[in-house]
Amino acid sequence: MIECQIDSVRVSLTNQDRIIVLKDKNNDRYVPIWIGLFEAESITIALQNIAVARPLTHDLILSVLQQLGGRLLRVEITGLVSETYYANLVIETDKTMFIDCRPSDALALVVRTGAPIFVDEEILDEVGIQPEDVLIFEESEPEEEHHSEGDISVFEEFLDDLQKGDSTDQPSDSEPDGPAPGKPE
């Protein structure tokens, strides 16, 4: 198991899905986990220390746990099956218990307790995202035409071609007036 921490809670601009991003504490690996709206709000409220009038569900769970003399030792994200993550709350009372839960609920408790998060190494290997390495080309290699991700010459050429086309973009006698087919006026 690899210790991770919450890096961020994000909202997809395309479909409003909520994603919590975990970061490996020792490496630049990130694990995105899609979570529900309510869990994302609960996590965000706790992260930003926003006072609420009445306890939220995760506050209630924590209160019950504390009243029963237990404490959250850690959260373990243990599995990934068919794009669904599995997790355990590791709780200590007079004994240590592993309680199956959704990672989003577990992480909502983590932000309230400061308990550590551990992710199975196989999950990190399977879905962990690393910032892309910068390719370094040796001076001694023969120069070949290539386009790396940092090379924008392809886009510059494309834009140049578009600009050249703009000067000849006036309608000719052979082109119909009005919008192109399929485009509204």
C-alpha atoms as a PDB file:
ATOM      1  CA  MET A   1       0.000   0.000   0.000  1.00  0.00           C
ATOM      2  CA  ILE A   2       1.224   3.472  -0.939  1.00  0.00           C
ATOM      3  CA  GLU A   3       0.381   6.518   1.164  1.00  0.00           C
ATOM      4  CA  CYS A   4      -1.456   9.227  -0.736  1.00  0.00           C
ATOM      5  CA  GLN A   5      -3.053  12.551   0.044  1.00  0.00           C
ATOM      6  CA  ILE A   6      -5.940  14.540  -1.382  1.00  0.00           C
ATOM      7  CA  ASP A   7      -4.549  16.797  -4.074  1.00  0.00           C
ATOM      8  CA  SER A   8      -7.768  18.444  -5.249  1.00  0.00           C
ATOM      9  CA  VAL A   9     -11.495  18.191  -5.821  1.00  0.00           C
ATOM     10  CA  ARG A  10     -12.412  19.110  -9.375  1.00  0.00           C
ATOM     11  CA  VAL A  11     -15.490  19.626 -11.480  1.00  0.00           C
ATOM     12  CA  SER A  12     -15.498  18.545 -15.110  1.00  0.00           C
ATOM     13  CA  LEU A  13     -16.366  21.479 -17.350  1.00  0.00           C
ATOM     14  CA  THR A  14     -17.963  19.217 -19.940  1.00  0.00           C
ATOM     15  CA  ASN A  15     -20.422  17.228 -17.845  1.00  0.00           C
ATOM     16  CA  GLN A  16     -20.212  18.557 -14.258  1.00  0.00           C
ATOM     17  CA  ASP A  17     -18.864  15.251 -12.883  1.00  0.00           C
ATOM     18  CA  ARG A  18     -16.916  15.600  -9.634  1.00  0.00           C
ATOM     19  CA  ILE A  19     -13.447  14.110  -9.408  1.00  0.00           C
ATOM     20  CA  ILE A  20     -11.217  13.824  -6.391  1.00  0.00           C
ATOM     21  CA  VAL A  21      -7.538  13.555  -7.221  1.00  0.00           C
ATOM     22  CA  LEU A  22      -5.217  11.655  -4.895  1.00  0.00           C
ATOM     23  CA  LYS A  23      -1.458  12.160  -5.089  1.00  0.00           C
ATOM     24  CA  ASP A  24       1.186   9.623  -4.157  1.00  0.00           C
ATOM     25  CA  LYS A  25       3.070  11.258  -1.258  1.00  0.00           C
ATOM     26  CA  ASN A  26       6.450  10.041  -2.506  1.00  0.00           C
ATOM     27  CA  ASN A  27       6.122  10.289  -6.301  1.00  0.00           C
ATOM     28  CA  ASP A  28       4.421  12.348  -8.968  1.00  0.00           C
ATOM     29  CA  ARG A  29       1.553   9.906  -9.513  1.00  0.00           C
ATOM     30  CA  TYR A  30      -2.081  10.932  -9.362  1.00  0.00           C
ATOM     31  CA  VAL A  31      -5.250   8.854  -9.102  1.00  0.00           C
ATOM     32  CA  PRO A  32      -8.535  10.399 -10.282  1.00  0.00           C
ATOM     33  CA  ILE A  33     -11.670   9.052  -8.613  1.00  0.00           C
ATOM     34  CA  TRP A  34     -15.111  10.088  -9.849  1.00  0.00           C
ATOM     35  CA  ILE A  35     -17.411  10.862  -6.930  1.00  0.00           C
ATOM     36  CA  GLY A  36     -20.995  11.953  -6.407  1.00  0.00           C
ATOM     37  CA  LEU A  37     -22.209  15.521  -6.010  1.00  0.00           C
ATOM     38  CA  PHE A  38     -23.105  15.191  -2.326  1.00  0.00           C
ATOM     39  CA  GLU A  39     -19.830  13.539  -1.379  1.00  0.00           C
ATOM     40  CA  ALA A  40     -17.891  16.225  -3.292  1.00  0.00           C
ATOM     41  CA  GLU A  41     -19.796  18.946  -1.428  1.00  0.00           C
ATOM     42  CA  SER A  42     -19.207  17.220   1.909  1.00  0.00           C
ATOM     43  CA  ILE A  43     -15.469  16.941   1.204  1.00  0.00           C
ATOM     44  CA  THR A  44     -15.241  20.554   0.016  1.00  0.00           C
ATOM     45  CA  ILE A  45     -17.147  21.864   3.044  1.00  0.00           C
ATOM     46  CA  ALA A  46     -14.732  20.075   5.369  1.00  0.00           C
ATOM     47  CA  LEU A  47     -11.635  21.136   3.404  1.00  0.00           C
ATOM     48  CA  GLN A  48     -12.718  24.771   3.513  1.00  0.00           C
ATOM     49  CA  ASN A  49     -13.816  24.632   7.172  1.00  0.00           C
ATOM     50  CA  ILE A  50     -17.315  25.870   6.345  1.00  0.00           C
ATOM     51  CA  ALA A  51     -19.659  25.847   9.328  1.00  0.00           C
ATOM     52  CA  VAL A  52     -22.980  24.100   8.778  1.00  0.00           C
ATOM     53  CA  ALA A  53     -26.085  24.507  10.940  1.00  0.00           C
ATOM     54  CA  ARG A  54     -26.707  20.776  11.332  1.00  0.00           C
ATOM     55  CA  PRO A  55     -24.347  17.785  10.998  1.00  0.00           C
ATOM     56  CA  LEU A  56     -23.966  16.351   7.525  1.00  0.00           C
ATOM     57  CA  THR A  57     -24.055  12.573   7.069  1.00  0.00           C
ATOM     58  CA  HIS A  58     -20.273  12.267   7.314  1.00  0.00           C
ATOM     59  CA  ASP A  59     -20.227  14.417  10.455  1.00  0.00           C
ATOM     60  CA  LEU A  60     -22.872  12.110  11.920  1.00  0.00           C
ATOM     61  CA  ILE A  61     -20.834   8.998  11.114  1.00  0.00           C
ATOM     62  CA  LEU A  62     -17.782  10.526  12.766  1.00  0.00           C
ATOM     63  CA  SER A  63     -19.811  11.540  15.822  1.00  0.00           C
ATOM     64  CA  VAL A  64     -21.260   8.029  16.207  1.00  0.00           C
ATOM     65  CA  LEU A  65     -17.787   6.522  15.832  1.00  0.00           C
ATOM     66  CA  GLN A  66     -16.381   8.815  18.519  1.00  0.00           C
ATOM     67  CA  GLN A  67     -19.332   8.213  20.891  1.00  0.00           C
ATOM     68  CA  LEU A  68     -18.695   4.477  20.581  1.00  0.00           C
ATOM     69  CA  GLY A  69     -15.046   4.989  21.522  1.00  0.00           C
ATOM     70  CA  GLY A  70     -13.637   4.329  18.083  1.00  0.00           C
ATOM     71  CA  ARG A  71     -11.303   6.221  15.837  1.00  0.00           C
ATOM     72  CA  LEU A  72     -10.444   6.122  12.165  1.00  0.00           C
ATOM     73  CA  LEU A  73      -6.897   4.769  11.838  1.00  0.00           C
ATOM     74  CA  ARG A  74      -6.656   4.989   8.058  1.00  0.00           C
ATOM     75  CA  VAL A  75      -8.479   4.566   4.766  1.00  0.00           C
ATOM     76  CA  GLU A  76      -7.385   1.909   2.299  1.00  0.00           C
ATOM     77  CA  ILE A  77      -8.377   1.967  -1.347  1.00  0.00           C
ATOM     78  CA  THR A  78      -8.087  -1.715  -2.035  1.00  0.00           C
ATOM     79  CA  GLY A  79      -9.589  -2.551  -5.396  1.00  0.00           C
ATOM     80  CA  LEU A  80     -10.683  -1.430  -8.824  1.00  0.00           C
ATOM     81  CA  VAL A  81     -13.187  -3.625 -10.638  1.00  0.00           C
ATOM     82  CA  SER A  82     -15.025  -2.509 -13.788  1.00  0.00           C
ATOM     83  CA  GLU A  83     -14.082   1.128 -13.150  1.00  0.00           C
ATOM     84  CA  THR A  84     -15.458   0.975  -9.590  1.00  0.00           C
ATOM     85  CA  TYR A  85     -13.104   1.608  -6.684  1.00  0.00           C
ATOM     86  CA  TYR A  86     -13.387  -0.299  -3.401  1.00  0.00           C
ATOM     87  CA  ALA A  87     -12.206   0.949  -0.042  1.00  0.00           C
ATOM     88  CA  ASN A  88     -12.048   0.077   3.645  1.00  0.00           C
ATOM     89  CA  LEU A  89     -12.292   2.197   6.736  1.00  0.00           C
ATOM     90  CA  VAL A  90      -9.791   0.841   9.242  1.00  0.00           C
ATOM     91  CA  ILE A  91     -11.327   1.606  12.621  1.00  0.00           C
ATOM     92  CA  GLU A  92      -9.891   0.977  16.046  1.00  0.00           C
ATOM     93  CA  THR A  93     -12.048   0.288  19.084  1.00  0.00           C
ATOM     94  CA  ASP A  94     -11.111  -2.516  21.445  1.00  0.00           C
ATOM     95  CA  LYS A  95     -10.091  -4.272  18.209  1.00  0.00           C
ATOM     96  CA  THR A  96      -9.200  -3.242  14.653  1.00  0.00           C
ATOM     97  CA  MET A  97     -12.054  -3.478  12.150  1.00  0.00           C
ATOM     98  CA  PHE A  98     -12.086  -3.197   8.367  1.00  0.00           C
ATOM     99  CA  ILE A  99     -15.370  -1.769   7.094  1.00  0.00           C
ATOM    100  CA  ASP A 100     -16.166  -1.866   3.371  1.00  0.00           C
ATOM    101  CA  CYS A 101     -17.182   1.531   1.965  1.00  0.00           C
ATOM    102  CA  ARG A 102     -17.111   3.772  -1.068  1.00  0.00           C
ATOM    103  CA  PRO A 103     -13.877   5.752  -1.409  1.00  0.00           C
ATOM    104  CA  SER A 104     -15.835   9.013  -1.575  1.00  0.00           C
ATOM    105  CA  ASP A 105     -17.380   8.388   1.850  1.00  0.00           C
ATOM    106  CA  ALA A 106     -14.024   7.298   3.246  1.00  0.00           C
ATOM    107  CA  LEU A 107     -12.346  10.451   1.930  1.00  0.00           C
ATOM    108  CA  ALA A 108     -15.107  12.616   3.409  1.00  0.00           C
ATOM    109  CA  LEU A 109     -14.141  11.129   6.795  1.00  0.00           C
ATOM    110  CA  VAL A 110     -10.422  11.593   6.090  1.00  0.00           C
ATOM    111  CA  VAL A 111     -10.818  15.351   5.647  1.00  0.00           C
ATOM    112  CA  ARG A 112     -12.601  15.500   9.008  1.00  0.00           C
ATOM    113  CA  THR A 113     -10.062  13.396  10.920  1.00  0.00           C
ATOM    114  CA  GLY A 114      -6.725  13.777   9.184  1.00  0.00           C
ATOM    115  CA  ALA A 115      -6.394   9.995   8.933  1.00  0.00           C
ATOM    116  CA  PRO A 116      -3.919   8.747   6.305  1.00  0.00           C
ATOM    117  CA  ILE A 117      -4.981   7.385   2.925  1.00  0.00           C
ATOM    118  CA  PHE A 118      -3.376   4.293   1.436  1.00  0.00           C
ATOM    119  CA  VAL A 119      -3.862   3.057  -2.125  1.00  0.00           C
ATOM    120  CA  ASP A 120      -3.014  -0.435  -3.318  1.00  0.00           C
ATOM    121  CA  GLU A 121       0.136  -0.286  -5.441  1.00  0.00           C
ATOM    122  CA  GLU A 122      -1.526  -2.260  -8.261  1.00  0.00           C
ATOM    123  CA  ILE A 123      -4.186   0.464  -8.550  1.00  0.00           C
ATOM    124  CA  LEU A 124      -1.515   3.155  -8.754  1.00  0.00           C
ATOM    125  CA  ASP A 125       0.290   1.142 -11.417  1.00  0.00           C
ATOM    126  CA  GLU A 126      -2.929   0.631 -13.383  1.00  0.00           C
ATOM    127  CA  VAL A 127      -4.565   4.070 -13.266  1.00  0.00           C
ATOM    128  CA  GLY A 128      -1.922   6.356 -11.815  1.00  0.00           C
ATOM    129  CA  ILE A 129      -1.214   9.376 -13.982  1.00  0.00           C
ATOM    130  CA  GLN A 130       2.254  10.909 -14.118  1.00  0.00           C
ATOM    131  CA  PRO A 131       3.159  14.280 -15.580  1.00  0.00           C
ATOM    132  CA  GLU A 132       4.684  13.593 -18.947  1.00  0.00           C
ATOM    133  CA  ASP A 133       8.438  13.489 -19.078  1.00  0.00           C
ATOM    134  CA  VAL A 134      10.211  16.032 -21.208  1.00  0.00           C
ATOM    135  CA  LEU A 135      12.061  14.332 -24.011  1.00  0.00           C
ATOM    136  CA  ILE A 136      15.682  15.317 -24.192  1.00  0.00           C
ATOM    137  CA  PHE A 137      17.396  14.738 -27.489  1.00  0.00           C
ATOM    138  CA  GLU A 138      21.142  14.307 -27.540  1.00  0.00           C
ATOM    139  CA  GLU A 139      23.105  16.751 -29.689  1.00  0.00           C
ATOM    140  CA  SER A 140      24.967  13.882 -31.340  1.00  0.00           C
ATOM    141  CA  GLU A 141      21.825  12.318 -32.820  1.00  0.00           C
ATOM    142  CA  PRO A 142      21.084  13.242 -36.429  1.00  0.00           C
ATOM    143  CA  GLU A 143      18.316  15.777 -36.593  1.00  0.00           C
ATOM    144  CA  GLU A 144      15.111  14.313 -37.938  1.00  0.00           C
ATOM    145  CA  GLU A 145      11.818  15.984 -38.542  1.00  0.00           C
ATOM    146  CA  HIS A 146       9.752  15.326 -35.463  1.00  0.00           C
ATOM    147  CA  HIS A 147       7.031  17.065 -33.527  1.00  0.00           C
ATOM    148  CA  SER A 148       7.144  16.709 -29.782  1.00  0.00           C
ATOM    149  CA  GLU A 149       4.283  17.863 -27.578  1.00  0.00           C
ATOM    150  CA  GLY A 150       6.160  21.076 -26.879  1.00  0.00           C
ATOM    151  CA  ASP A 151       6.731  21.725 -30.607  1.00  0.00           C
ATOM    152  CA  ILE A 152       4.082  24.072 -31.920  1.00  0.00           C
ATOM    153  CA  SER A 153       5.440  24.375 -35.468  1.00  0.00           C
ATOM    154  CA  VAL A 154       2.645  22.109 -36.743  1.00  0.00           C
ATOM    155  CA  PHE A 155       0.088  24.558 -35.365  1.00  0.00           C
ATOM    156  CA  GLU A 156       2.006  27.567 -36.676  1.00  0.00           C
ATOM    157  CA  GLU A 157       1.977  26.029 -40.169  1.00  0.00           C
ATOM    158  CA  PHE A 158      -1.758  25.322 -39.848  1.00  0.00           C
ATOM    159  CA  LEU A 159      -2.469  28.907 -38.751  1.00  0.00           C
ATOM    160  CA  ASP A 160      -0.321  30.272 -41.570  1.00  0.00           C
ATOM    161  CA  ASP A 161      -2.338  28.212 -44.055  1.00  0.00           C
ATOM    162  CA  LEU A 162      -5.575  29.543 -42.548  1.00  0.00           C
ATOM    163  CA  GLN A 163      -4.366  33.130 -42.785  1.00  0.00           C
ATOM    164  CA  LYS A 164      -3.361  32.619 -46.416  1.00  0.00           C
ATOM    165  CA  GLY A 165      -6.826  31.242 -47.046  1.00  0.00           C
ATOM    166  CA  ASP A 166      -8.492  34.245 -45.371  1.00  0.00           C
ATOM    167  CA  SER A 167      -7.244  36.617 -48.076  1.00  0.00           C
ATOM    168  CA  THR A 168      -8.981  34.504 -50.724  1.00  0.00           C
ATOM    169  CA  ASP A 169     -12.059  33.906 -48.601  1.00  0.00           C
ATOM    170  CA  GLN A 170     -14.225  36.443 -50.472  1.00  0.00           C
ATOM    171  CA  PRO A 171     -17.244  34.864 -52.163  1.00  0.00           C
ATOM    172  CA  SER A 172     -16.722  34.259 -55.846  1.00  0.00           C
ATOM    173  CA  ASP A 173     -19.318  34.024 -58.550  1.00  0.00           C
ATOM    174  CA  SER A 174     -19.178  30.231 -58.291  1.00  0.00           C
ATOM    175  CA  GLU A 175     -19.970  30.234 -54.543  1.00  0.00           C
ATOM    176  CA  PRO A 176     -23.567  30.657 -53.373  1.00  0.00           C
ATOM    177  CA  ASP A 177     -24.443  33.571 -51.124  1.00  0.00           C
ATOM    178  CA  GLY A 178     -25.437  32.888 -47.528  1.00  0.00           C
ATOM    179  CA  PRO A 179     -24.209  30.331 -45.017  1.00  0.00           C
ATOM    180  CA  ALA A 180     -22.521  27.102 -45.892  1.00  0.00           C
ATOM    181  CA  PRO A 181     -24.819  24.088 -46.163  1.00  0.00           C
ATOM    182  CA  GLY A 182     -25.892  22.849 -42.755  1.00  0.00           C
ATOM    183  CA  LYS A 183     -25.009  26.129 -40.982  1.00  0.00           C
ATOM    184  CA  PRO A 184     -27.691  28.478 -39.661  1.00  0.00           C
ATOM    185  CA  GLU A 185     -27.915  32.019 -41.058  1.00  0.00           C
END
